[in-house]
Amino acid sequence: MTDTVSFLSRGSIEEDAGYWLIRLDSGEISDNEKQVFQHWLNGDPRRSAVFYELQNVWRKSDALRLSRAPAGHRRSRRKYVNQAVSPKRKSPIIRWPAIAASVTLFVAVSTLSWRFAYTPEYQAHETGVGRRMTVSLEDSSVVELNTDTAIKSEYSDDTRTIRLLRGEAHFMVTPDKDRPFIVTTNNGRVRAVGTAFNVALHDDVLEVVVTEGMVEVAAKPPTPDMPSPHENNTAVESRPVSVVSGQKTALVNNRISDIENVGLNRINRELAWRRGVLIFQGEAFEDAVAEISRHTTKKIVIADHRIKGIQVGGTYPINDIGKTLAMLAKTYDLIISRPDSNTIILRLDKNPF
């Protein structure tokens, strides 16, 4: 034990960390050595930082090799470590600095290998206001982007991740049980293997509608700047819930709302934008105008409060907002005025009362 302590007092932090990494990984370390290791680890904050960084990369690199190496080669690292620490070899203490230095070099190289091997491929897609887009992803999954929508896709060997940055998108997912398809936002995620669903961001509310199959919806877990459920009873992390075809839910304030059975008819109406139209069945006039406004850069102003609560019905094209407003004006006796090129004002043509 004296030799070990003497060695530790002479080596650099990186060499010492490599030494202890090999000793601990060998499975042959004694209880006395574990105490010496703890004494060394706690003696300087830099030691723990270096050791745990090396240990983390060491494990990742080992997992990478084990996942890709033939079965006959998966014990190579363990064999190397056991040989290095075997008591049958002469003067093992003399060899430790060189071995530790080799481990440090190995970990550095493995870090690069890990990063290059697992560097995901990114793709970004975006629509402007009033535009729609259909995108075929590299796994043949299809994404339909509604107006003013942006996504970022990240594919790796074990996951397919889509980041919804803003807007609304419908996903038709190609089945792949080994690589789940995950759509993430700031406040939660939707996980699927092979199914079809719609995700929409409205301010801080995430709405999820399943059109085929089943998805798993989960709220974003607590982060360092978000209280843990154990620290604050008001911040409870929602457990993932399953949502099936014909159902709808939402994430509000990082909580999952009750699942609503909406039926395929309502879903087809809410997702009519995929067919280039908006369908209203009794929505308030101001809500209908708010939805229409998503598809134009022009500002639509309701100048007469009497028409805000009128119930709107009908099918309206979203690729021709001028035609849509003309249809509304004819149906509900409205006057359309345009004081400038960016503003449209709606008011009643006559007093209906």
Protein backbone atom coordinates (compact mmCIF):
# COMPACT_ATOMS: atom_id res chain seq x y z
CA MET A 1 0.00 0.00 0.00
CA THR A 2 2.94 2.32 0.68
CA ASP A 3 4.10 1.88 -2.91
CA THR A 4 0.67 2.87 -4.20
CA VAL A 5 0.48 6.00 -2.09
CA SER A 6 4.03 6.89 -3.12
CA PHE A 7 3.06 6.49 -6.78
CA LEU A 8 0.03 8.70 -6.38
CA SER A 9 2.06 11.44 -4.82
CA ARG A 10 4.43 11.47 -7.80
CA GLY A 11 2.07 11.20 -10.78
CA SER A 12 0.14 13.96 -12.52
CA ILE A 13 -3.62 14.22 -12.00
CA GLU A 14 -4.28 12.75 -15.44
CA GLU A 15 -1.94 9.81 -14.81
CA ASP A 16 -3.38 9.20 -11.36
CA ALA A 17 -6.92 9.30 -12.78
CA GLY A 18 -5.94 6.80 -15.47
CA TYR A 19 -4.36 4.56 -12.83
CA TRP A 20 -7.47 4.50 -10.66
CA LEU A 21 -9.72 4.09 -13.68
CA ILE A 22 -7.94 0.86 -14.60
CA ARG A 23 -7.78 -0.40 -11.02
CA LEU A 24 -11.49 0.13 -10.44
CA ASP A 25 -12.42 -1.32 -13.82
CA SER A 26 -10.36 -4.46 -13.19
CA GLY A 27 -12.62 -5.60 -10.36
CA GLU A 28 -9.57 -6.67 -8.34
CA ILE A 29 -9.12 -3.57 -6.22
CA SER A 30 -8.93 -4.21 -2.45
CA ASP A 31 -10.87 -2.41 0.25
CA ASN A 32 -7.66 -0.70 1.42
CA GLU A 33 -7.01 0.56 -2.09
CA LYS A 34 -10.56 1.87 -2.29
CA GLN A 35 -9.91 3.92 0.83
CA VAL A 36 -6.71 5.29 -0.69
CA PHE A 37 -8.64 6.10 -3.86
CA GLN A 38 -11.26 8.03 -1.91
CA HIS A 39 -8.54 9.87 -0.03
CA TRP A 40 -6.91 10.83 -3.32
CA LEU A 41 -10.24 11.76 -4.96
CA ASN A 42 -11.32 14.01 -2.08
CA GLY A 43 -7.94 15.66 -1.69
CA ASP A 44 -8.31 18.07 -4.61
CA PRO A 45 -11.45 19.16 -6.57
CA ARG A 46 -9.46 18.94 -9.79
CA ARG A 47 -8.93 15.22 -9.25
CA SER A 48 -12.62 14.37 -9.15
CA ALA A 49 -13.29 16.54 -12.19
CA VAL A 50 -10.60 14.82 -14.25
CA PHE A 51 -11.43 11.32 -12.98
CA TYR A 52 -15.16 11.49 -13.67
CA GLU A 53 -14.59 13.03 -17.09
CA LEU A 54 -12.24 10.19 -18.02
CA GLN A 55 -14.62 7.62 -16.55
CA ASN A 56 -17.57 8.99 -18.50
CA VAL A 57 -15.74 8.90 -21.84
CA TRP A 58 -14.21 5.50 -20.99
CA ARG A 59 -17.69 4.02 -20.50
CA LYS A 60 -19.09 5.64 -23.62
CA SER A 61 -16.23 4.43 -25.76
CA ASP A 62 -16.60 0.94 -24.34
CA ALA A 63 -20.32 0.96 -25.09
CA LEU A 64 -19.60 2.10 -28.64
CA ARG A 65 -17.14 -0.72 -29.23
CA LEU A 66 -19.33 -3.36 -27.59
CA SER A 67 -22.29 -2.37 -29.73
CA ARG A 68 -20.29 -2.67 -32.94
CA ALA A 69 -17.66 -5.31 -32.25
CA PRO A 70 -18.15 -9.06 -32.94
CA ALA A 71 -19.01 -11.10 -29.87
CA GLY A 72 -15.56 -12.69 -29.75
CA HIS A 73 -13.89 -9.30 -29.29
CA ARG A 74 -16.15 -7.83 -26.64
CA ARG A 75 -13.96 -8.91 -23.76
CA SER A 76 -10.77 -7.38 -25.17
CA ARG A 77 -10.69 -4.37 -22.88
CA ARG A 78 -11.40 -6.44 -19.79
CA LYS A 79 -8.62 -8.84 -20.79
CA TYR A 80 -6.19 -5.99 -21.28
CA VAL A 81 -7.04 -4.49 -17.90
CA ASN A 82 -6.77 -7.82 -16.09
CA GLN A 83 -3.39 -8.49 -17.64
CA ALA A 84 -2.19 -5.03 -16.70
CA VAL A 85 -3.06 -5.47 -13.02
CA SER A 86 -2.36 -9.17 -12.71
CA PRO A 87 -0.17 -9.94 -9.65
CA LYS A 88 1.69 -12.56 -11.70
CA ARG A 89 3.45 -9.84 -13.65
CA LYS A 90 6.63 -8.49 -12.18
CA SER A 91 6.88 -4.93 -10.85
CA PRO A 92 3.37 -3.81 -11.71
CA ILE A 93 3.83 -0.50 -9.86
CA ILE A 94 6.59 0.52 -12.22
CA ARG A 95 4.28 -0.01 -15.18
CA TRP A 96 1.39 2.10 -13.85
CA PRO A 97 2.53 5.54 -15.02
CA ALA A 98 2.94 4.27 -18.57
CA ILE A 99 -0.35 2.39 -18.45
CA ALA A 100 -2.17 5.37 -16.97
CA ALA A 101 -0.72 7.65 -19.62
CA SER A 102 -1.87 5.18 -22.27
CA VAL A 103 -5.36 5.18 -20.81
CA THR A 104 -5.43 8.98 -20.90
CA LEU A 105 -4.40 8.92 -24.56
CA PHE A 106 -6.89 6.17 -25.29
CA VAL A 107 -9.71 8.13 -23.68
CA ALA A 108 -8.79 11.25 -25.64
CA VAL A 109 -8.85 9.31 -28.92
CA SER A 110 -12.06 7.55 -27.88
CA THR A 111 -13.68 10.91 -27.21
CA LEU A 112 -13.10 11.91 -30.82
CA SER A 113 -14.27 8.49 -32.05
CA TRP A 114 -17.40 8.72 -29.93
CA ARG A 115 -18.22 12.19 -31.15
CA PHE A 116 -17.64 11.37 -34.80
CA ALA A 117 -19.47 8.04 -34.59
CA TYR A 118 -22.48 9.60 -32.92
CA THR A 119 -22.54 12.95 -34.66
CA PRO A 120 -26.17 13.19 -35.78
CA GLU A 121 -27.18 14.58 -39.11
CA TYR A 122 -29.27 17.72 -38.92
CA GLN A 123 -31.85 18.94 -41.37
CA ALA A 124 -33.92 22.09 -41.02
CA HIS A 125 -37.18 22.89 -42.78
CA GLU A 126 -39.25 26.05 -42.55
CA THR A 127 -42.36 27.60 -44.04
CA GLY A 128 -43.22 31.26 -44.23
CA VAL A 129 -46.57 32.78 -43.32
CA GLY A 130 -49.24 31.53 -45.71
CA ARG A 131 -47.04 28.70 -46.99
CA ARG A 132 -47.23 24.94 -46.55
CA MET A 133 -44.67 22.25 -47.25
CA THR A 134 -44.46 18.46 -47.42
CA VAL A 135 -41.10 16.95 -46.54
CA SER A 136 -39.92 13.34 -46.91
CA LEU A 137 -37.34 12.56 -44.22
CA GLU A 138 -34.41 10.21 -44.67
CA ASP A 139 -36.33 7.25 -43.17
CA SER A 140 -39.25 7.91 -45.56
CA SER A 141 -41.39 9.41 -42.80
CA VAL A 142 -43.46 12.31 -44.14
CA VAL A 143 -43.91 15.68 -42.44
CA GLU A 144 -46.49 18.25 -43.51
CA LEU A 145 -45.66 21.76 -42.30
CA ASN A 146 -48.46 24.27 -41.82
CA THR A 147 -48.03 28.02 -42.11
CA ASP A 148 -45.12 29.69 -40.32
CA THR A 149 -43.63 26.42 -39.07
CA ALA A 150 -40.03 25.40 -38.43
CA ILE A 151 -38.58 22.01 -37.56
CA LYS A 152 -35.12 20.58 -37.10
CA SER A 153 -34.54 16.86 -37.58
CA GLU A 154 -31.74 14.92 -35.92
CA TYR A 155 -31.23 11.25 -36.80
CA SER A 156 -28.80 8.94 -35.02
CA ASP A 157 -28.31 5.17 -34.81
CA ASP A 158 -30.93 4.73 -32.10
CA THR A 159 -33.35 7.67 -32.28
CA ARG A 160 -35.15 9.89 -34.74
CA THR A 161 -35.70 13.29 -33.15
CA ILE A 162 -37.64 16.20 -34.59
CA ARG A 163 -37.49 19.55 -32.85
CA LEU A 164 -40.63 21.61 -33.43
CA LEU A 165 -39.41 25.18 -33.11
CA ARG A 166 -42.72 26.85 -33.94
CA GLY A 167 -45.98 26.30 -35.76
CA GLU A 168 -47.81 23.10 -36.58
CA ALA A 169 -46.86 19.86 -38.32
CA HIS A 170 -48.42 16.52 -39.15
CA PHE A 171 -46.18 13.45 -39.01
CA MET A 172 -46.69 10.15 -40.79
CA VAL A 173 -44.01 7.94 -39.28
CA THR A 174 -42.32 5.01 -40.96
CA PRO A 175 -42.24 2.09 -38.48
CA ASP A 176 -38.84 1.30 -36.95
CA LYS A 177 -39.02 -0.40 -33.55
CA ASP A 178 -35.28 0.06 -33.01
CA ARG A 179 -35.42 3.83 -33.52
CA PRO A 180 -38.34 5.60 -31.87
CA PHE A 181 -39.59 8.77 -33.51
CA ILE A 182 -39.63 11.65 -31.03
CA VAL A 183 -40.99 15.16 -31.52
CA THR A 184 -39.72 17.59 -28.89
CA THR A 185 -40.66 21.11 -27.87
CA ASN A 186 -39.70 23.34 -24.98
CA ASN A 187 -42.37 21.87 -22.75
CA GLY A 188 -42.58 18.22 -23.71
CA ARG A 189 -42.23 15.42 -26.22
CA VAL A 190 -44.29 13.04 -28.31
CA ARG A 191 -42.87 9.56 -28.88
CA ALA A 192 -43.97 7.13 -31.59
CA VAL A 193 -42.67 4.10 -33.47
CA GLY A 194 -44.97 3.92 -36.46
CA THR A 195 -48.07 6.08 -36.47
CA ALA A 196 -49.53 9.44 -37.59
CA PHE A 197 -50.16 12.47 -35.44
CA ASN A 198 -50.37 16.25 -35.45
CA VAL A 199 -48.45 18.61 -33.16
CA ALA A 200 -49.21 22.31 -32.84
CA LEU A 201 -47.54 25.01 -30.77
CA HIS A 202 -49.74 27.91 -29.67
CA ASP A 203 -47.66 30.19 -27.47
CA ASP A 204 -46.74 27.90 -24.53
CA VAL A 205 -49.43 25.29 -25.25
CA LEU A 206 -48.58 22.10 -27.14
CA GLU A 207 -51.58 20.34 -28.73
CA VAL A 208 -51.32 16.73 -29.85
CA VAL A 209 -53.89 14.98 -32.05
CA VAL A 210 -53.44 11.33 -33.06
CA THR A 211 -54.80 10.40 -36.47
CA GLU A 212 -53.47 6.83 -36.61
CA GLY A 213 -52.01 4.37 -34.12
CA MET A 214 -50.76 5.53 -30.72
CA VAL A 215 -48.21 7.96 -29.30
CA GLU A 216 -46.74 8.60 -25.88
CA VAL A 217 -46.92 12.18 -24.60
CA ALA A 218 -44.64 13.35 -21.79
CA ALA A 219 -44.09 16.69 -20.15
CA LYS A 220 -40.59 18.07 -20.01
CA PRO A 221 -38.87 16.87 -16.81
CA PRO A 222 -37.48 19.35 -14.26
CA THR A 223 -34.22 21.06 -15.18
CA PRO A 224 -31.62 22.75 -12.95
CA ASP A 225 -33.53 26.03 -13.23
CA MET A 226 -36.92 24.30 -12.77
CA PRO A 227 -37.90 23.00 -9.30
CA SER A 228 -37.93 19.24 -8.78
CA PRO A 229 -41.16 17.57 -7.66
CA HIS A 230 -39.37 16.64 -4.44
CA GLU A 231 -38.36 20.22 -3.76
CA ASN A 232 -41.66 21.91 -4.50
CA ASN A 233 -45.02 20.18 -4.30
CA THR A 234 -46.47 22.61 -6.84
CA ALA A 235 -44.09 21.39 -9.57
CA VAL A 236 -45.11 17.79 -10.26
CA GLU A 237 -43.60 16.00 -13.20
CA SER A 238 -46.29 14.42 -15.35
CA ARG A 239 -45.92 10.76 -16.22
CA PRO A 240 -46.08 9.82 -19.90
CA VAL A 241 -49.56 9.04 -21.15
CA SER A 242 -50.70 7.10 -24.18
CA VAL A 243 -52.92 8.81 -26.73
CA VAL A 244 -54.58 6.74 -29.45
CA SER A 245 -56.24 7.45 -32.77
CA GLY A 246 -59.19 9.80 -32.42
CA GLN A 247 -57.90 11.39 -29.24
CA LYS A 248 -56.42 14.76 -28.38
CA THR A 249 -54.44 16.18 -25.47
CA ALA A 250 -52.35 19.21 -24.64
CA LEU A 251 -49.32 20.19 -22.60
CA VAL A 252 -49.96 23.33 -20.59
CA ASN A 253 -47.39 24.67 -18.13
CA ASN A 254 -45.49 21.37 -18.38
CA ARG A 255 -48.57 19.39 -17.41
CA ILE A 256 -50.59 16.98 -19.53
CA SER A 257 -54.26 17.88 -19.81
CA ASP A 258 -57.07 15.34 -19.80
CA ILE A 259 -57.31 13.20 -22.91
CA GLU A 260 -60.27 14.14 -25.09
CA ASN A 261 -62.07 11.74 -27.42
CA VAL A 262 -62.69 14.00 -30.40
CA GLY A 263 -63.45 11.52 -33.16
CA LEU A 264 -62.15 11.41 -36.71
CA ASN A 265 -64.74 13.86 -38.10
CA ARG A 266 -63.57 16.63 -35.80
CA ILE A 267 -59.95 15.72 -36.43
CA ASN A 268 -60.47 15.99 -40.18
CA ARG A 269 -62.00 19.42 -39.64
CA GLU A 270 -59.21 20.64 -37.37
CA LEU A 271 -56.58 19.34 -39.78
CA ALA A 272 -58.31 20.59 -42.93
CA TRP A 273 -55.31 22.85 -43.49
CA ARG A 274 -53.59 19.76 -44.92
CA ARG A 275 -56.11 19.96 -47.77
CA GLY A 276 -55.63 23.71 -48.20
CA VAL A 277 -58.86 24.82 -46.51
CA LEU A 278 -60.23 25.97 -43.17
CA ILE A 279 -63.52 24.50 -41.96
CA PHE A 280 -65.60 26.31 -39.34
CA GLN A 281 -68.64 24.89 -37.60
CA GLY A 282 -69.97 27.40 -35.12
CA GLU A 283 -66.73 29.08 -34.06
CA ALA A 284 -66.95 32.68 -32.91
CA PHE A 285 -66.16 35.18 -35.65
CA GLU A 286 -63.12 36.56 -33.80
CA ASP A 287 -61.73 33.03 -33.34
CA ALA A 288 -62.22 32.29 -37.03
CA VAL A 289 -60.44 35.52 -37.96
CA ALA A 290 -57.59 34.64 -35.60
CA GLU A 291 -57.16 31.33 -37.42
CA ILE A 292 -57.33 33.02 -40.83
CA SER A 293 -54.74 35.56 -39.69
CA ARG A 294 -52.20 32.77 -39.22
CA HIS A 295 -52.11 32.39 -42.98
CA THR A 296 -51.43 35.99 -43.96
CA THR A 297 -48.89 38.67 -43.16
CA LYS A 298 -51.60 41.32 -43.30
CA LYS A 299 -53.24 42.54 -40.11
CA ILE A 300 -56.97 41.80 -39.98
CA VAL A 301 -58.89 44.12 -37.67
CA ILE A 302 -62.47 43.59 -36.49
CA ALA A 303 -63.65 47.15 -36.14
CA ASP A 304 -67.21 46.34 -35.06
CA HIS A 305 -67.57 44.52 -31.73
CA ARG A 306 -71.05 43.30 -32.74
CA ILE A 307 -69.62 40.77 -35.17
CA LYS A 308 -67.04 39.24 -32.83
CA GLY A 309 -69.47 36.72 -31.41
CA ILE A 310 -71.19 35.74 -34.65
CA GLN A 311 -70.94 32.00 -35.24
CA VAL A 312 -69.09 31.14 -38.42
CA GLY A 313 -69.64 28.11 -40.63
CA GLY A 314 -68.33 26.99 -43.98
CA THR A 315 -65.20 25.98 -45.85
CA TYR A 316 -62.69 28.64 -46.85
CA PRO A 317 -59.48 28.46 -48.92
CA ILE A 318 -56.26 29.33 -47.10
CA ASN A 319 -54.22 29.92 -50.23
CA ASP A 320 -56.37 32.90 -51.18
CA ILE A 321 -57.13 35.05 -48.12
CA GLY A 322 -58.72 37.73 -50.30
CA LYS A 323 -61.29 35.22 -51.51
CA THR A 324 -61.86 33.95 -47.96
CA LEU A 325 -62.58 37.45 -46.65
CA ALA A 326 -64.85 38.16 -49.62
CA MET A 327 -66.84 35.01 -48.80
CA LEU A 328 -67.16 36.10 -45.15
CA ALA A 329 -68.22 39.60 -46.20
CA LYS A 330 -70.95 38.26 -48.48
CA THR A 331 -72.26 35.78 -45.92
CA TYR A 332 -72.30 38.11 -42.91
CA ASP A 333 -72.96 41.50 -44.56
CA LEU A 334 -69.53 42.96 -43.91
CA ILE A 335 -67.62 45.85 -45.42
CA ILE A 336 -63.93 45.31 -46.12
CA SER A 337 -61.64 48.33 -46.17
CA ARG A 338 -57.90 48.53 -46.69
CA PRO A 339 -56.41 51.76 -45.28
CA ASP A 340 -52.95 50.62 -46.29
CA SER A 341 -51.28 47.67 -47.98
CA ASN A 342 -50.79 45.80 -44.69
CA THR A 343 -54.14 46.30 -42.94
CA ILE A 344 -57.62 44.89 -43.55
CA ILE A 345 -60.58 46.24 -41.57
CA LEU A 346 -63.89 44.37 -41.18
CA ARG A 347 -67.13 45.99 -40.08
CA LEU A 348 -70.87 45.50 -40.54
CA ASP A 349 -72.40 46.85 -43.71
CA LYS A 350 -75.61 47.78 -41.93
CA ASN A 351 -77.11 47.68 -38.49
CA PRO A 352 -78.73 44.24 -38.23
CA PHE A 353 -80.61 45.13 -35.09
